[in-house]
């Protein structure tokens, strides 16, 4: 397992790097050595933030934590990732009963997709507007996201409210 540690506005000590590698190493029971774990360390509003992302066979496992201390955050992130992986591994084992102890990248391709039930369908006309107008519209509707036609780029965009009370913008390309 390869662990890639990046930091933003944080000085990472060797002890912190060693701790991250040791704790993330516990997840190696799910993967082989060629899987990369991306760990991002940053500080936001006097809190230490740690994010970890693992991509394997088109699946993403991601966890983040904000705490007063990176060392506590590492434990929480590893616990969250382990829970996600255990849950998903159980799901795979139920679906492929003849496989018991394979790692994620060894699992066979799914033979058939699980049926996804769409319980509600909504159709609406995209209105051309600016990003600022879309944010105002989203706030007036008290939604957490809003789909619109960006009149500046002539493409479909989505604005959304982030956990830190800022906004995000998803831009589409084709």
N, C-alpha and C. Protein backbone atom coordinates (compact mmCIF):
# COMPACT_ATOMS: atom_id res chain seq x y z
N UNK A 1 0.86 -1.18 0.00
CA UNK A 1 0.00 0.00 0.00
C UNK A 1 0.90 1.23 0.00
N UNK A 2 0.64 2.13 -0.93
CA UNK A 2 1.42 3.35 -1.04
C UNK A 2 0.60 4.49 -0.44
N UNK A 3 1.19 5.21 0.48
CA UNK A 3 0.49 6.31 1.15
C UNK A 3 1.11 7.63 0.70
N UNK A 4 0.27 8.46 0.08
CA UNK A 4 0.72 9.76 -0.41
C UNK A 4 0.16 10.82 0.52
N UNK A 5 1.05 11.52 1.20
CA UNK A 5 0.63 12.54 2.18
C UNK A 5 0.92 13.91 1.60
N UNK A 6 -0.11 14.73 1.52
CA UNK A 6 0.07 16.12 1.11
C UNK A 6 -0.49 17.00 2.22
N UNK A 7 0.06 18.18 2.33
CA UNK A 7 -0.41 19.07 3.38
C UNK A 7 -0.59 20.48 2.83
N UNK A 8 -1.49 21.18 3.44
CA UNK A 8 -1.79 22.55 3.04
C UNK A 8 -1.75 23.40 4.31
N UNK A 9 -0.80 24.32 4.36
CA UNK A 9 -0.61 25.21 5.51
C UNK A 9 -0.31 24.44 6.79
N UNK A 10 0.35 23.29 6.65
CA UNK A 10 0.67 22.46 7.82
C UNK A 10 2.10 21.94 7.66
N UNK A 11 2.87 22.03 8.72
CA UNK A 11 4.19 21.41 8.73
C UNK A 11 4.04 20.01 9.29
N UNK A 12 4.35 19.02 8.47
CA UNK A 12 4.18 17.63 8.91
C UNK A 12 5.51 17.11 9.45
N UNK A 13 5.48 16.67 10.67
CA UNK A 13 6.68 16.12 11.29
C UNK A 13 6.86 14.67 10.84
N UNK A 14 8.06 14.15 11.04
CA UNK A 14 8.31 12.75 10.72
C UNK A 14 7.46 11.83 11.58
N UNK A 15 7.25 12.22 12.84
CA UNK A 15 6.41 11.42 13.74
C UNK A 15 4.97 11.34 13.23
N UNK A 16 4.45 12.46 12.73
CA UNK A 16 3.09 12.47 12.19
C UNK A 16 3.00 11.59 10.95
N UNK A 17 3.99 11.69 10.05
CA UNK A 17 4.00 10.86 8.85
C UNK A 17 4.08 9.38 9.20
N UNK A 18 4.93 9.04 10.15
CA UNK A 18 5.06 7.64 10.58
C UNK A 18 3.75 7.13 11.18
N UNK A 19 3.10 7.97 11.96
CA UNK A 19 1.82 7.58 12.57
C UNK A 19 0.77 7.34 11.50
N UNK A 20 0.70 8.24 10.51
CA UNK A 20 -0.27 8.08 9.42
C UNK A 20 0.01 6.77 8.68
N UNK A 21 1.28 6.51 8.36
CA UNK A 21 1.61 5.29 7.64
C UNK A 21 1.28 4.05 8.46
N UNK A 22 1.54 4.09 9.75
CA UNK A 22 1.25 2.95 10.61
C UNK A 22 -0.26 2.71 10.71
N UNK A 23 -1.03 3.77 10.95
CA UNK A 23 -2.48 3.63 11.11
C UNK A 23 -3.15 3.22 9.79
N UNK A 24 -2.75 3.86 8.68
CA UNK A 24 -3.32 3.51 7.38
C UNK A 24 -2.91 2.10 6.97
N UNK A 25 -1.77 1.67 7.45
CA UNK A 25 -1.30 0.31 7.16
C UNK A 25 -2.27 -0.76 7.65
N UNK A 26 -3.06 -0.44 8.65
CA UNK A 26 -4.06 -1.39 9.16
C UNK A 26 -5.10 -1.73 8.08
N UNK A 27 -5.26 -0.82 7.11
CA UNK A 27 -6.24 -1.05 6.05
C UNK A 27 -5.68 -1.96 4.96
N UNK A 28 -4.40 -2.29 5.03
CA UNK A 28 -3.78 -3.11 3.98
C UNK A 28 -4.39 -4.51 3.91
N UNK A 29 -5.08 -4.94 4.96
CA UNK A 29 -5.71 -6.26 4.90
C UNK A 29 -6.79 -6.33 3.83
N UNK A 30 -7.27 -5.16 3.39
CA UNK A 30 -8.30 -5.11 2.35
C UNK A 30 -7.70 -5.02 0.94
N UNK A 31 -6.40 -4.66 0.83
CA UNK A 31 -5.81 -4.34 -0.46
C UNK A 31 -4.44 -4.98 -0.61
N UNK A 32 -3.95 -4.99 -1.85
CA UNK A 32 -2.58 -5.43 -2.10
C UNK A 32 -1.66 -4.20 -2.00
N UNK A 33 -0.39 -4.41 -2.29
CA UNK A 33 0.60 -3.34 -2.13
C UNK A 33 0.50 -2.24 -3.17
N UNK A 34 -0.20 -2.46 -4.28
CA UNK A 34 -0.20 -1.47 -5.35
C UNK A 34 -1.34 -0.46 -5.25
N UNK A 35 -2.04 -0.40 -4.17
CA UNK A 35 -3.12 0.56 -3.97
C UNK A 35 -2.54 1.83 -3.35
N UNK A 36 -2.99 3.00 -3.84
CA UNK A 36 -2.52 4.27 -3.30
C UNK A 36 -3.59 4.89 -2.41
N UNK A 37 -3.16 5.37 -1.26
CA UNK A 37 -4.04 6.10 -0.35
C UNK A 37 -3.58 7.55 -0.36
N UNK A 38 -4.47 8.46 -0.70
CA UNK A 38 -4.16 9.88 -0.70
C UNK A 38 -4.64 10.49 0.61
N UNK A 39 -3.72 11.06 1.35
CA UNK A 39 -4.04 11.68 2.64
C UNK A 39 -3.73 13.17 2.53
N UNK A 40 -4.71 14.00 2.85
CA UNK A 40 -4.55 15.45 2.79
C UNK A 40 -4.70 16.02 4.19
N UNK A 41 -3.72 16.78 4.63
CA UNK A 41 -3.74 17.43 5.94
C UNK A 41 -3.87 18.93 5.73
N UNK A 42 -4.75 19.56 6.49
CA UNK A 42 -4.91 21.01 6.40
C UNK A 42 -5.45 21.53 7.72
N UNK A 43 -5.45 22.84 7.85
CA UNK A 43 -6.01 23.47 9.04
C UNK A 43 -7.10 24.43 8.62
N UNK A 44 -8.24 24.34 9.29
CA UNK A 44 -9.37 25.22 9.03
C UNK A 44 -9.93 25.71 10.35
N UNK A 45 -9.94 26.98 10.52
CA UNK A 45 -10.54 27.60 11.71
C UNK A 45 -10.07 26.94 13.01
N UNK A 46 -8.76 26.87 13.18
CA UNK A 46 -8.14 26.31 14.38
C UNK A 46 -8.42 24.82 14.58
N UNK A 47 -8.90 24.13 13.56
CA UNK A 47 -9.10 22.69 13.63
C UNK A 47 -8.19 22.01 12.61
N UNK A 48 -7.68 20.85 13.01
CA UNK A 48 -6.87 20.06 12.10
C UNK A 48 -7.80 19.16 11.30
N UNK A 49 -7.65 19.21 9.98
CA UNK A 49 -8.52 18.43 9.10
C UNK A 49 -7.68 17.39 8.37
N UNK A 50 -8.15 16.17 8.38
CA UNK A 50 -7.49 15.09 7.66
C UNK A 50 -8.50 14.42 6.74
N UNK A 51 -8.13 14.26 5.48
CA UNK A 51 -8.97 13.60 4.49
C UNK A 51 -8.18 12.45 3.90
N UNK A 52 -8.83 11.31 3.69
CA UNK A 52 -8.17 10.17 3.07
C UNK A 52 -9.08 9.61 1.99
N UNK A 53 -8.49 9.30 0.83
CA UNK A 53 -9.24 8.77 -0.30
C UNK A 53 -8.50 7.57 -0.86
N UNK A 54 -9.25 6.50 -1.10
CA UNK A 54 -8.70 5.30 -1.72
C UNK A 54 -9.58 4.98 -2.92
N UNK A 55 -8.96 4.79 -4.08
CA UNK A 55 -9.70 4.40 -5.28
C UNK A 55 -9.22 3.02 -5.71
N UNK A 56 -10.16 2.11 -5.86
CA UNK A 56 -9.82 0.77 -6.31
C UNK A 56 -10.95 0.23 -7.18
N UNK A 57 -10.62 -0.20 -8.37
CA UNK A 57 -11.57 -0.80 -9.31
C UNK A 57 -12.84 0.03 -9.49
N UNK A 58 -12.67 1.34 -9.62
CA UNK A 58 -13.81 2.22 -9.85
C UNK A 58 -14.59 2.58 -8.60
N UNK A 59 -14.18 2.07 -7.45
CA UNK A 59 -14.85 2.39 -6.19
C UNK A 59 -13.99 3.40 -5.42
N UNK A 60 -14.66 4.29 -4.74
CA UNK A 60 -13.96 5.26 -3.90
C UNK A 60 -14.35 5.02 -2.45
N UNK A 61 -13.35 5.01 -1.61
CA UNK A 61 -13.56 5.03 -0.16
C UNK A 61 -12.98 6.34 0.32
N UNK A 62 -13.76 7.13 1.03
CA UNK A 62 -13.30 8.45 1.45
C UNK A 62 -13.81 8.74 2.85
N UNK A 63 -12.94 9.36 3.63
CA UNK A 63 -13.34 9.78 4.98
C UNK A 63 -12.58 11.05 5.32
N UNK A 64 -13.20 11.86 6.16
CA UNK A 64 -12.54 13.07 6.64
C UNK A 64 -12.93 13.30 8.08
N UNK A 65 -12.07 14.05 8.76
CA UNK A 65 -12.34 14.36 10.16
C UNK A 65 -11.69 15.69 10.49
N UNK A 66 -12.37 16.46 11.32
CA UNK A 66 -11.83 17.70 11.85
C UNK A 66 -11.77 17.55 13.36
N UNK A 67 -10.61 17.81 13.92
CA UNK A 67 -10.46 17.69 15.36
C UNK A 67 -9.37 18.67 15.83
N UNK A 68 -9.15 18.69 17.13
CA UNK A 68 -8.13 19.57 17.70
C UNK A 68 -6.72 19.03 17.47
N UNK A 69 -6.62 17.76 17.07
CA UNK A 69 -5.32 17.12 16.97
C UNK A 69 -5.32 16.16 15.78
N UNK A 70 -4.27 16.20 14.95
CA UNK A 70 -4.18 15.30 13.81
C UNK A 70 -4.17 13.84 14.24
N UNK A 71 -3.56 13.54 15.37
CA UNK A 71 -3.45 12.16 15.81
C UNK A 71 -4.82 11.57 16.14
N UNK A 72 -5.71 12.36 16.74
CA UNK A 72 -7.07 11.89 16.98
C UNK A 72 -7.82 11.75 15.66
N UNK A 73 -7.61 12.70 14.76
CA UNK A 73 -8.27 12.68 13.45
C UNK A 73 -7.88 11.46 12.63
N UNK A 74 -6.61 11.06 12.72
CA UNK A 74 -6.15 9.88 11.98
C UNK A 74 -6.92 8.65 12.43
N UNK A 75 -7.04 8.49 13.75
CA UNK A 75 -7.79 7.34 14.28
C UNK A 75 -9.22 7.34 13.78
N UNK A 76 -9.87 8.50 13.80
CA UNK A 76 -11.26 8.58 13.35
C UNK A 76 -11.39 8.26 11.86
N UNK A 77 -10.47 8.77 11.05
CA UNK A 77 -10.52 8.53 9.61
C UNK A 77 -10.31 7.04 9.31
N UNK A 78 -9.34 6.43 9.96
CA UNK A 78 -9.08 5.00 9.75
C UNK A 78 -10.30 4.18 10.17
N UNK A 79 -10.93 4.55 11.28
CA UNK A 79 -12.14 3.84 11.72
C UNK A 79 -13.26 3.97 10.70
N UNK A 80 -13.45 5.18 10.15
CA UNK A 80 -14.50 5.40 9.16
C UNK A 80 -14.24 4.59 7.89
N UNK A 81 -12.99 4.61 7.42
CA UNK A 81 -12.64 3.85 6.22
C UNK A 81 -12.81 2.35 6.45
N UNK A 82 -12.39 1.88 7.60
CA UNK A 82 -12.51 0.46 7.91
C UNK A 82 -13.98 0.03 7.95
N UNK A 83 -14.82 0.87 8.51
CA UNK A 83 -16.25 0.58 8.55
C UNK A 83 -16.83 0.51 7.14
N UNK A 84 -16.47 1.48 6.30
CA UNK A 84 -16.95 1.48 4.91
C UNK A 84 -16.52 0.21 4.19
N UNK A 85 -15.25 -0.14 4.35
CA UNK A 85 -14.72 -1.31 3.64
C UNK A 85 -15.34 -2.61 4.15
N UNK A 86 -15.50 -2.71 5.45
CA UNK A 86 -16.12 -3.93 6.01
C UNK A 86 -17.55 -4.08 5.51
N UNK A 87 -18.28 -2.99 5.49
CA UNK A 87 -19.66 -3.02 5.02
C UNK A 87 -19.72 -3.43 3.55
N UNK A 88 -18.84 -2.85 2.74
CA UNK A 88 -18.84 -3.15 1.32
C UNK A 88 -18.36 -4.58 1.06
N UNK A 89 -17.35 -5.02 1.82
CA UNK A 89 -16.85 -6.38 1.67
C UNK A 89 -17.95 -7.39 2.00
N UNK A 90 -18.72 -7.12 3.05
CA UNK A 90 -19.84 -8.00 3.40
C UNK A 90 -20.86 -8.07 2.28
N UNK A 91 -21.10 -6.94 1.67
CA UNK A 91 -22.05 -6.88 0.56
C UNK A 91 -21.54 -7.72 -0.61
N UNK A 92 -20.24 -7.61 -0.90
CA UNK A 92 -19.65 -8.40 -1.98
C UNK A 92 -19.69 -9.90 -1.66
N UNK A 93 -19.42 -10.25 -0.41
CA UNK A 93 -19.43 -11.66 -0.02
C UNK A 93 -20.83 -12.26 -0.13
N UNK A 94 -21.84 -11.47 0.19
CA UNK A 94 -23.22 -11.97 0.05
C UNK A 94 -23.56 -12.17 -1.42
N UNK A 95 -23.06 -11.29 -2.26
CA UNK A 95 -23.37 -11.36 -3.69
C UNK A 95 -22.58 -12.48 -4.37
N UNK A 96 -21.32 -12.66 -3.97
CA UNK A 96 -20.45 -13.68 -4.57
C UNK A 96 -20.10 -14.69 -3.48
N UNK A 97 -20.99 -15.59 -3.21
CA UNK A 97 -20.84 -16.51 -2.07
C UNK A 97 -19.61 -17.41 -2.17
N UNK A 98 -19.07 -17.64 -3.38
CA UNK A 98 -17.92 -18.53 -3.52
C UNK A 98 -16.59 -17.83 -3.22
N UNK A 99 -16.60 -16.54 -2.96
CA UNK A 99 -15.39 -15.81 -2.58
C UNK A 99 -15.50 -15.42 -1.11
N UNK A 100 -14.47 -15.72 -0.34
CA UNK A 100 -14.54 -15.40 1.08
C UNK A 100 -13.49 -14.40 1.54
N UNK A 101 -12.25 -14.65 1.20
CA UNK A 101 -11.18 -13.83 1.77
C UNK A 101 -10.33 -13.11 0.73
N UNK A 102 -10.90 -12.78 -0.40
CA UNK A 102 -10.14 -12.05 -1.40
C UNK A 102 -10.08 -10.57 -1.05
N UNK A 103 -9.06 -9.91 -1.56
CA UNK A 103 -8.94 -8.48 -1.39
C UNK A 103 -9.79 -7.80 -2.45
N UNK A 104 -10.10 -6.52 -2.28
CA UNK A 104 -11.04 -5.83 -3.17
C UNK A 104 -10.65 -5.94 -4.64
N UNK A 105 -9.36 -5.78 -4.94
CA UNK A 105 -8.99 -5.79 -6.35
C UNK A 105 -9.04 -7.19 -6.97
N UNK A 106 -9.20 -8.25 -6.15
CA UNK A 106 -9.30 -9.62 -6.64
C UNK A 106 -10.73 -10.05 -6.92
N UNK A 107 -11.71 -9.26 -6.53
CA UNK A 107 -13.10 -9.66 -6.69
C UNK A 107 -13.46 -9.69 -8.17
N UNK A 108 -14.33 -10.60 -8.54
CA UNK A 108 -14.74 -10.66 -9.95
C UNK A 108 -15.59 -9.45 -10.31
N UNK A 109 -15.60 -9.16 -11.60
CA UNK A 109 -16.47 -8.09 -12.08
C UNK A 109 -17.91 -8.47 -11.78
N UNK A 110 -18.76 -7.51 -11.44
CA UNK A 110 -20.15 -7.85 -11.18
C UNK A 110 -20.81 -8.38 -12.44
N UNK A 111 -21.53 -9.49 -12.28
CA UNK A 111 -22.20 -10.11 -13.42
C UNK A 111 -23.43 -9.33 -13.81
N UNK A 112 -24.13 -8.87 -12.83
CA UNK A 112 -25.33 -8.09 -13.10
C UNK A 112 -25.40 -6.97 -12.07
N UNK A 113 -25.91 -5.88 -12.49
CA UNK A 113 -26.04 -4.73 -11.60
C UNK A 113 -27.24 -4.92 -10.68
N UNK A 114 -27.08 -4.47 -9.45
CA UNK A 114 -28.22 -4.48 -8.56
C UNK A 114 -29.25 -3.50 -9.06
N UNK A 115 -30.49 -3.85 -8.88
CA UNK A 115 -31.56 -2.97 -9.35
C UNK A 115 -31.64 -1.74 -8.46
N UNK A 116 -31.65 -0.61 -9.09
CA UNK A 116 -31.76 0.65 -8.36
C UNK A 116 -33.19 1.15 -8.53
N UNK A 117 -33.84 1.42 -7.44
CA UNK A 117 -35.22 1.90 -7.49
C UNK A 117 -35.25 3.41 -7.41
N UNK A 118 -35.73 4.02 -8.47
CA UNK A 118 -35.93 5.46 -8.46
C UNK A 118 -37.34 5.70 -7.95
N UNK A 119 -37.43 6.37 -6.82
CA UNK A 119 -38.74 6.55 -6.19
C UNK A 119 -39.41 7.85 -6.58
N UNK A 120 -38.63 8.75 -7.16
CA UNK A 120 -39.23 10.02 -7.56
C UNK A 120 -38.48 10.56 -8.77
N UNK A 121 -39.22 11.08 -9.70
CA UNK A 121 -38.63 11.66 -10.89
C UNK A 121 -39.15 13.08 -11.01
N UNK A 122 -38.26 14.00 -11.29
CA UNK A 122 -38.66 15.39 -11.40
C UNK A 122 -38.11 15.95 -12.70
N UNK A 123 -38.92 16.68 -13.39
CA UNK A 123 -38.52 17.27 -14.66
C UNK A 123 -38.71 18.78 -14.54
N UNK A 124 -37.69 19.52 -14.98
CA UNK A 124 -37.81 20.96 -14.94
C UNK A 124 -37.02 21.57 -16.07
N UNK A 125 -37.40 22.77 -16.41
CA UNK A 125 -36.73 23.48 -17.48
C UNK A 125 -35.56 24.26 -16.90
N UNK A 126 -34.40 24.14 -17.53
CA UNK A 126 -33.22 24.86 -17.07
C UNK A 126 -33.32 26.32 -17.49
N UNK A 127 -33.17 27.18 -16.53
CA UNK A 127 -33.22 28.62 -16.80
C UNK A 127 -31.80 29.16 -16.92
N UNK A 128 -31.51 29.92 -17.96
CA UNK A 128 -30.19 30.55 -18.05
C UNK A 128 -30.05 31.62 -16.96
N UNK A 129 -28.97 31.54 -16.20
CA UNK A 129 -28.71 32.53 -15.14
C UNK A 129 -27.24 32.51 -14.78
N UNK A 130 -26.83 33.48 -14.00
CA UNK A 130 -25.45 33.54 -13.53
C UNK A 130 -25.32 32.69 -12.28
N UNK A 131 -24.09 32.45 -11.87
CA UNK A 131 -23.84 31.67 -10.66
C UNK A 131 -24.45 32.35 -9.44
N UNK A 132 -24.32 33.67 -9.34
CA UNK A 132 -24.87 34.41 -8.20
C UNK A 132 -26.40 34.29 -8.16
N UNK A 133 -27.03 34.37 -9.32
CA UNK A 133 -28.49 34.22 -9.37
C UNK A 133 -28.91 32.81 -8.95
N UNK A 134 -28.12 31.81 -9.35
CA UNK A 134 -28.43 30.42 -8.98
C UNK A 134 -28.32 30.22 -7.47
N UNK A 135 -27.31 30.83 -6.85
CA UNK A 135 -27.15 30.72 -5.39
C UNK A 135 -28.33 31.38 -4.68
N UNK A 136 -28.75 32.53 -5.16
CA UNK A 136 -29.91 33.21 -4.56
C UNK A 136 -31.16 32.34 -4.70
N UNK A 137 -31.34 31.75 -5.88
CA UNK A 137 -32.50 30.89 -6.12
C UNK A 137 -32.46 29.67 -5.18
N UNK A 138 -31.29 29.07 -5.03
CA UNK A 138 -31.13 27.92 -4.15
C UNK A 138 -31.49 28.29 -2.71
N UNK A 139 -31.01 29.44 -2.26
CA UNK A 139 -31.30 29.89 -0.89
C UNK A 139 -32.79 30.16 -0.70
N UNK A 140 -33.42 30.77 -1.71
CA UNK A 140 -34.86 31.05 -1.60
C UNK A 140 -35.66 29.76 -1.51
N UNK A 141 -35.23 28.72 -2.22
CA UNK A 141 -35.94 27.44 -2.19
C UNK A 141 -35.56 26.60 -0.96
N UNK A 142 -34.55 27.06 -0.22
CA UNK A 142 -34.04 26.35 0.95
C UNK A 142 -33.56 24.95 0.59
N UNK A 143 -32.89 24.83 -0.58
CA UNK A 143 -32.29 23.58 -1.01
C UNK A 143 -30.80 23.61 -0.72
N UNK A 144 -30.17 22.45 -0.79
CA UNK A 144 -28.73 22.38 -0.59
C UNK A 144 -27.97 22.37 -1.91
N UNK A 145 -28.69 22.24 -3.03
CA UNK A 145 -28.07 22.32 -4.35
C UNK A 145 -29.08 22.87 -5.35
N UNK A 146 -28.58 23.31 -6.50
CA UNK A 146 -29.46 23.87 -7.52
C UNK A 146 -28.83 23.67 -8.89
N UNK A 147 -29.58 23.11 -9.83
CA UNK A 147 -29.12 22.87 -11.19
C UNK A 147 -29.60 24.02 -12.07
N UNK A 148 -28.70 24.54 -12.91
CA UNK A 148 -29.07 25.67 -13.76
C UNK A 148 -28.22 25.68 -15.02
N UNK A 149 -28.65 26.46 -16.00
CA UNK A 149 -27.89 26.67 -17.22
C UNK A 149 -27.09 27.95 -17.03
N UNK A 150 -25.77 27.81 -16.98
CA UNK A 150 -24.89 28.96 -16.76
C UNK A 150 -24.84 29.79 -18.03
N UNK A 151 -25.37 31.00 -17.95
CA UNK A 151 -25.44 31.84 -19.15
C UNK A 151 -24.07 32.34 -19.59
N UNK A 152 -23.08 32.30 -18.70
CA UNK A 152 -21.74 32.75 -19.06
C UNK A 152 -20.97 31.68 -19.83
N UNK A 153 -21.21 30.40 -19.51
CA UNK A 153 -20.48 29.32 -20.17
C UNK A 153 -21.37 28.49 -21.08
N UNK A 154 -22.68 28.72 -21.03
CA UNK A 154 -23.67 27.97 -21.82
C UNK A 154 -23.58 26.47 -21.55
N UNK A 155 -23.38 26.12 -20.28
CA UNK A 155 -23.32 24.71 -19.89
C UNK A 155 -24.16 24.51 -18.62
N UNK A 156 -24.52 23.25 -18.38
CA UNK A 156 -25.29 22.91 -17.19
C UNK A 156 -24.34 22.89 -16.00
N UNK A 157 -24.70 23.59 -14.93
CA UNK A 157 -23.89 23.66 -13.72
C UNK A 157 -24.76 23.34 -12.51
N UNK A 158 -24.10 23.02 -11.41
CA UNK A 158 -24.77 22.79 -10.14
C UNK A 158 -24.06 23.61 -9.08
N UNK A 159 -24.80 24.41 -8.33
CA UNK A 159 -24.24 25.07 -7.16
C UNK A 159 -24.72 24.29 -5.94
N UNK A 160 -23.88 24.25 -4.91
CA UNK A 160 -24.27 23.52 -3.71
C UNK A 160 -23.70 24.19 -2.48
N UNK A 161 -24.37 23.96 -1.37
CA UNK A 161 -23.95 24.52 -0.07
C UNK A 161 -23.01 23.52 0.59
N UNK A 162 -21.83 23.98 0.98
CA UNK A 162 -20.83 23.14 1.62
C UNK A 162 -21.03 23.13 3.14
N UNK A 163 -20.42 22.16 3.80
CA UNK A 163 -20.52 22.06 5.26
C UNK A 163 -19.96 23.28 5.96
N UNK A 164 -18.99 23.97 5.33
CA UNK A 164 -18.38 25.14 5.96
C UNK A 164 -19.16 26.43 5.64
N UNK A 165 -20.41 26.28 5.16
CA UNK A 165 -21.32 27.39 4.82
C UNK A 165 -20.83 28.23 3.64
N UNK A 166 -19.91 27.72 2.87
CA UNK A 166 -19.53 28.33 1.61
C UNK A 166 -20.27 27.60 0.50
N UNK A 167 -19.98 27.96 -0.73
CA UNK A 167 -20.67 27.35 -1.87
C UNK A 167 -19.68 26.66 -2.77
N UNK A 168 -20.16 25.65 -3.47
CA UNK A 168 -19.37 24.94 -4.46
C UNK A 168 -20.07 25.03 -5.80
N UNK A 169 -19.30 24.85 -6.86
CA UNK A 169 -19.85 24.90 -8.21
C UNK A 169 -19.34 23.70 -8.97
N UNK A 170 -20.26 22.91 -9.53
CA UNK A 170 -19.91 21.79 -10.39
C UNK A 170 -20.18 22.23 -11.83
N UNK A 171 -19.14 22.19 -12.64
CA UNK A 171 -19.26 22.58 -14.04
C UNK A 171 -19.18 21.33 -14.91
N UNK A 172 -20.05 21.24 -15.89
CA UNK A 172 -20.03 20.08 -16.78
C UNK A 172 -19.27 20.40 -18.05
N UNK A 173 -18.67 19.35 -18.61
CA UNK A 173 -18.03 19.47 -19.91
C UNK A 173 -18.48 18.28 -20.74
N UNK A 174 -18.44 18.43 -22.02
CA UNK A 174 -18.81 17.32 -22.90
C UNK A 174 -18.09 17.46 -24.20
